[in-house]
């Protein structure tokens, strides 16, 4: 099979906008080559689709420019749009790193991923850590940083450190220490830091800090939406990306022990293979 590359935007609040992901089919390269491809393309995520056997006929392998990932939800939405167009819905796939099963479906114009909550690392969070990670540590060890609730770690397959800010203004003003976040995350098996704040209407604003390059800040982070749903114990509407010029909306639902995460996924013009 000849390698084919599709580019899609996911979770956009308007058609053609959102978090970009590359979907690669027909690729037989190894991990090092895939990592090099993701680094060269410099999109927020790449997902390589391979064939598999059993109830999940496809396996998804995720790469950010700087690292391989066990799960990326916006890239899964992109892969789902490609696969469902060819094979119909619903469809079950599994992840390459951990063999996690993901159930893909469509509802109207949106794509949904159904998955189960996953164990999160039991990490002790020192009182001064949030301020240090969010770039507000100083002589007073973060006395100026006020969180609206205690830090938490939750996961639907890629654990996130969740930090609630008192309001959206404080959230948007953050200038985090990305290198420190990356080092701490690698040490503790966590996939970056997600800061969020509550809106007056009950929805949430969020920002994801997982890339070393601030220019690659996510405009939508599906695994964080899932982690917040687990942490808060309710369905959420999450707004993200306006600060990077790509306003996105992520919606989640609870279905027993399962979580549905969904939104838009739109094709962009073809990418040379």
Protein backbone atom coordinates (compact mmCIF):
# COMPACT_ATOMS: atom_id res chain seq x y z
CA UNK A 1 0.00 0.00 0.00
CA UNK A 2 1.37 3.40 -0.98
CA UNK A 3 1.81 5.87 1.86
CA UNK A 4 -0.99 8.43 2.00
CA UNK A 5 -1.08 11.48 4.24
CA UNK A 6 -4.22 13.41 5.18
CA UNK A 7 -4.35 16.62 7.17
CA UNK A 8 -7.40 17.44 9.25
CA UNK A 9 -8.38 20.05 11.78
CA UNK A 10 -10.21 18.80 14.85
CA UNK A 11 -12.57 20.26 17.46
CA UNK A 12 -12.78 23.57 15.57
CA UNK A 13 -15.66 25.87 16.45
CA UNK A 14 -15.86 26.79 12.75
CA UNK A 15 -15.30 24.60 9.64
CA UNK A 16 -11.64 24.29 8.66
CA UNK A 17 -10.38 25.55 12.02
CA UNK A 18 -9.10 23.63 15.02
CA UNK A 19 -6.14 21.55 16.10
CA UNK A 20 -4.26 20.13 13.11
CA UNK A 21 -3.26 16.48 12.86
CA UNK A 22 -1.68 14.39 10.13
CA UNK A 23 -3.10 10.92 9.45
CA UNK A 24 -0.62 8.56 7.74
CA UNK A 25 -1.69 5.31 6.07
CA UNK A 26 0.43 2.68 4.33
CA UNK A 27 3.56 3.47 6.33
CA UNK A 28 5.88 0.60 7.27
CA UNK A 29 8.63 2.64 8.94
CA UNK A 30 9.88 2.16 12.50
CA UNK A 31 9.59 4.36 15.55
CA UNK A 32 12.70 6.46 14.82
CA UNK A 33 11.58 7.22 11.28
CA UNK A 34 8.08 8.10 12.43
CA UNK A 35 9.47 10.42 15.08
CA UNK A 36 11.66 12.13 12.48
CA UNK A 37 8.63 12.57 10.19
CA UNK A 38 6.58 14.13 13.01
CA UNK A 39 9.45 16.47 13.87
CA UNK A 40 9.89 17.55 10.24
CA UNK A 41 6.16 18.13 9.68
CA UNK A 42 5.94 20.15 12.91
CA UNK A 43 2.19 19.68 13.36
CA UNK A 44 0.79 19.29 16.85
CA UNK A 45 0.34 15.53 16.25
CA UNK A 46 0.76 12.75 13.69
CA UNK A 47 -1.05 9.40 13.83
CA UNK A 48 0.07 6.37 11.84
CA UNK A 49 -2.64 3.82 11.02
CA UNK A 50 -1.64 0.18 10.66
CA UNK A 51 -3.60 -3.02 10.08
CA UNK A 52 -4.38 -5.38 12.97
CA UNK A 53 -6.38 -8.53 13.66
CA UNK A 54 -9.37 -9.27 15.88
CA UNK A 55 -12.12 -6.92 17.05
CA UNK A 56 -9.90 -3.91 16.38
CA UNK A 57 -8.80 -4.10 12.71
CA UNK A 58 -6.61 -0.97 12.94
CA UNK A 59 -3.88 0.20 15.30
CA UNK A 60 -3.09 3.89 15.91
CA UNK A 61 0.45 5.07 16.70
CA UNK A 62 0.76 8.70 17.89
CA UNK A 63 3.72 11.08 17.61
CA UNK A 64 4.20 14.67 18.68
CA UNK A 65 7.20 16.56 17.23
CA UNK A 66 9.20 15.84 20.40
CA UNK A 67 7.93 12.43 21.56
CA UNK A 68 5.77 9.37 20.98
CA UNK A 69 2.48 9.35 22.89
CA UNK A 70 0.23 6.57 24.19
CA UNK A 71 -2.90 8.49 23.15
CA UNK A 72 -3.87 11.71 21.40
CA UNK A 73 -7.60 12.37 21.12
CA UNK A 74 -7.59 15.07 18.47
CA UNK A 75 -5.41 12.84 16.27
CA UNK A 76 -7.86 10.00 17.00
CA UNK A 77 -10.72 12.19 15.78
CA UNK A 78 -8.75 12.82 12.59
CA UNK A 79 -8.04 9.10 12.13
CA UNK A 80 -11.69 8.32 12.86
CA UNK A 81 -12.89 10.66 10.12
CA UNK A 82 -10.54 8.97 7.62
CA UNK A 83 -11.41 5.41 8.66
CA UNK A 84 -15.16 5.93 9.00
CA UNK A 85 -15.29 7.48 5.56
CA UNK A 86 -13.80 4.29 4.12
CA UNK A 87 -15.21 1.58 6.40
CA UNK A 88 -18.39 2.96 7.96
CA UNK A 89 -19.40 3.33 11.60
CA UNK A 90 -19.11 2.21 14.29
CA UNK A 91 -15.52 0.99 14.34
CA UNK A 92 -13.14 -0.23 17.06
CA UNK A 93 -9.39 0.47 16.95
CA UNK A 94 -6.58 0.03 19.44
CA UNK A 95 -3.58 2.12 20.41
CA UNK A 96 -0.04 0.99 19.57
CA UNK A 97 1.71 1.67 22.88
CA UNK A 98 -0.81 0.27 25.38
CA UNK A 99 -3.36 -1.65 23.34
CA UNK A 100 -6.21 0.56 24.60
CA UNK A 101 -9.49 -0.01 22.74
CA UNK A 102 -11.19 3.04 21.24
CA UNK A 103 -14.70 2.98 19.77
CA UNK A 104 -15.29 5.42 16.91
CA UNK A 105 -18.65 6.75 15.77
CA UNK A 106 -20.30 9.70 14.06
CA UNK A 107 -23.22 11.79 15.22
CA UNK A 108 -24.37 14.41 12.78
CA UNK A 109 -21.32 16.33 11.61
CA UNK A 110 -19.21 15.37 14.63
CA UNK A 111 -16.97 12.40 15.41
CA UNK A 112 -16.93 10.75 18.85
CA UNK A 113 -14.41 8.51 20.58
CA UNK A 114 -15.71 6.21 23.34
CA UNK A 115 -13.15 4.96 25.85
CA UNK A 116 -12.72 3.99 29.48
CA UNK A 117 -11.00 5.89 32.25
CA UNK A 118 -7.49 4.62 32.94
CA UNK A 119 -5.33 4.41 36.07
CA UNK A 120 -3.38 7.57 36.81
CA UNK A 121 0.10 7.65 38.38
CA UNK A 122 0.09 8.10 42.16
CA UNK A 123 2.31 11.16 42.33
CA UNK A 124 2.84 13.35 45.38
CA UNK A 125 2.39 16.99 44.33
CA UNK A 126 4.46 19.35 46.45
CA UNK A 127 2.72 22.64 47.38
CA UNK A 128 5.27 24.69 45.42
CA UNK A 129 5.10 22.55 42.27
CA UNK A 130 2.17 24.23 40.45
CA UNK A 131 3.79 27.65 40.70
CA UNK A 132 7.12 26.28 39.50
CA UNK A 133 5.56 24.57 36.48
CA UNK A 134 3.40 27.56 35.59
CA UNK A 135 6.35 29.95 35.66
CA UNK A 136 5.35 31.75 38.84
CA UNK A 137 7.88 30.37 41.30
CA UNK A 138 10.03 32.87 43.15
CA UNK A 139 11.47 33.66 46.56
CA UNK A 140 8.08 32.95 48.15
CA UNK A 141 7.78 29.58 46.36
CA UNK A 142 4.60 30.41 44.53
CA UNK A 143 2.83 32.50 47.15
CA UNK A 144 1.40 34.60 44.34
CA UNK A 145 -0.24 31.64 42.58
CA UNK A 146 -3.75 30.86 43.77
CA UNK A 147 -5.43 27.68 42.59
CA UNK A 148 -9.21 27.33 42.76
CA UNK A 149 -9.02 23.67 43.81
CA UNK A 150 -6.32 21.15 44.77
CA UNK A 151 -4.17 19.76 41.93
CA UNK A 152 -5.19 16.38 40.54
CA UNK A 153 -3.95 13.79 38.07
CA UNK A 154 -6.51 11.90 35.96
CA UNK A 155 -6.36 9.87 32.78
CA UNK A 156 -8.29 8.36 29.90
CA UNK A 157 -5.06 6.94 28.49
CA UNK A 158 -2.57 9.83 28.67
CA UNK A 159 -2.40 11.21 32.26
CA UNK A 160 -2.69 14.94 32.82
CA UNK A 161 -1.81 17.12 35.78
CA UNK A 162 -4.94 19.27 36.21
CA UNK A 163 -4.58 22.75 37.70
CA UNK A 164 -7.66 24.93 38.20
CA UNK A 165 -7.11 28.68 37.99
CA UNK A 166 -9.52 31.14 39.66
CA UNK A 167 -10.66 32.70 36.38
CA UNK A 168 -10.04 32.81 32.65
CA UNK A 169 -7.98 36.00 32.86
CA UNK A 170 -5.45 34.28 35.13
CA UNK A 171 -5.47 31.27 32.82
CA UNK A 172 -4.73 33.27 29.68
CA UNK A 173 -1.96 35.26 31.41
CA UNK A 174 0.10 32.13 32.17
CA UNK A 175 3.66 31.86 30.82
CA UNK A 176 4.63 28.36 31.96
CA UNK A 177 8.09 26.84 32.27
CA UNK A 178 7.73 24.35 29.42
CA UNK A 179 11.12 22.72 29.91
CA UNK A 180 10.36 22.11 33.57
CA UNK A 181 6.93 20.69 32.75
CA UNK A 182 8.51 18.32 30.23
CA UNK A 183 11.17 17.14 32.69
CA UNK A 184 8.68 16.65 35.53
CA UNK A 185 6.23 14.85 33.23
CA UNK A 186 8.88 12.43 31.97
CA UNK A 187 10.02 11.70 35.51
CA UNK A 188 6.51 10.88 36.75
CA UNK A 189 4.82 9.32 33.71
CA UNK A 190 2.48 12.25 33.16
CA UNK A 191 1.66 13.80 29.80
CA UNK A 192 2.05 17.46 30.60
CA UNK A 193 0.01 19.98 32.52
CA UNK A 194 -3.52 21.19 31.78
CA UNK A 195 -4.66 24.46 33.34
CA UNK A 196 -8.35 25.34 33.31
CA UNK A 197 -10.92 27.77 34.68
CA UNK A 198 -14.70 27.74 35.03
CA UNK A 199 -16.92 30.04 33.01
CA UNK A 200 -20.07 31.64 34.42
CA UNK A 201 -22.24 29.40 32.21
CA UNK A 202 -20.74 26.21 33.66
CA UNK A 203 -18.47 25.42 30.73
CA UNK A 204 -14.67 25.48 31.04
CA UNK A 205 -11.71 27.26 29.47
CA UNK A 206 -8.44 25.37 29.19
CA UNK A 207 -4.81 25.47 28.04
CA UNK A 208 -2.49 22.50 27.52
CA UNK A 209 1.25 22.63 28.23
CA UNK A 210 2.99 19.60 26.79
CA UNK A 211 5.17 20.87 23.92
CA UNK A 212 8.61 22.40 24.38
CA UNK A 213 7.91 25.03 21.72
CA UNK A 214 5.32 27.60 22.86
CA UNK A 215 4.32 28.06 19.22
CA UNK A 216 2.98 24.48 19.29
CA UNK A 217 0.54 25.03 22.15
CA UNK A 218 -2.53 22.87 21.47
CA UNK A 219 -5.71 24.53 20.33
CA UNK A 220 -7.64 21.46 21.55
CA UNK A 221 -6.61 18.61 23.85
CA UNK A 222 -9.05 15.71 23.89
CA UNK A 223 -7.19 13.66 26.51
CA UNK A 224 -7.43 16.64 28.85
CA UNK A 225 -11.18 16.92 28.23
CA UNK A 226 -11.44 13.24 29.14
CA UNK A 227 -9.26 13.64 32.22
CA UNK A 228 -11.36 16.60 33.39
CA UNK A 229 -14.53 14.56 32.88
CA UNK A 230 -13.06 11.80 35.07
CA UNK A 231 -11.89 14.30 37.70
CA UNK A 232 -15.13 16.32 37.83
CA UNK A 233 -17.44 13.32 37.40
CA UNK A 234 -19.69 15.01 34.84
CA UNK A 235 -20.07 15.84 31.18
CA UNK A 236 -18.32 19.05 30.16
CA UNK A 237 -18.08 21.61 27.40
CA UNK A 238 -14.47 22.77 27.11
CA UNK A 239 -13.29 25.86 25.21
CA UNK A 240 -9.66 26.05 24.12
CA UNK A 241 -7.44 27.65 21.49
CA UNK A 242 -8.79 31.19 21.19
CA UNK A 243 -5.45 32.53 22.50
CA UNK A 244 -3.61 30.83 19.60
CA UNK A 245 -6.14 31.93 16.98
CA UNK A 246 -7.90 28.55 16.67
CA UNK A 247 -11.01 28.56 18.88
CA UNK A 248 -12.16 25.02 19.62
CA UNK A 249 -15.01 23.34 21.45
CA UNK A 250 -14.73 19.85 22.97
CA UNK A 251 -17.76 18.03 24.33
CA UNK A 252 -17.83 15.00 26.58
CA UNK A 253 -20.52 12.65 27.86
CA UNK A 254 -20.61 9.97 30.55
CA UNK A 255 -21.91 6.52 29.67
CA UNK A 256 -21.47 4.37 32.78
CA UNK A 257 -17.78 3.64 33.06
CA UNK A 258 -17.20 4.96 29.54
CA UNK A 259 -16.52 8.50 28.38
CA UNK A 260 -17.40 9.94 24.98
CA UNK A 261 -15.27 12.78 23.65
CA UNK A 262 -16.35 14.46 20.45
CA UNK A 263 -16.23 17.38 18.09
CA UNK A 264 -15.59 18.43 14.52
CA UNK A 265 -12.99 16.87 12.20
CA UNK A 266 -12.51 18.49 8.78
CA UNK A 267 -10.21 17.60 5.89
CA UNK A 268 -7.68 20.14 4.62
CA UNK A 269 -6.06 20.10 1.15
CA UNK A 270 -3.90 17.00 0.51
CA UNK A 271 -0.43 16.75 2.04
CA UNK A 272 2.43 15.40 -0.17
CA UNK A 273 3.40 11.89 1.00
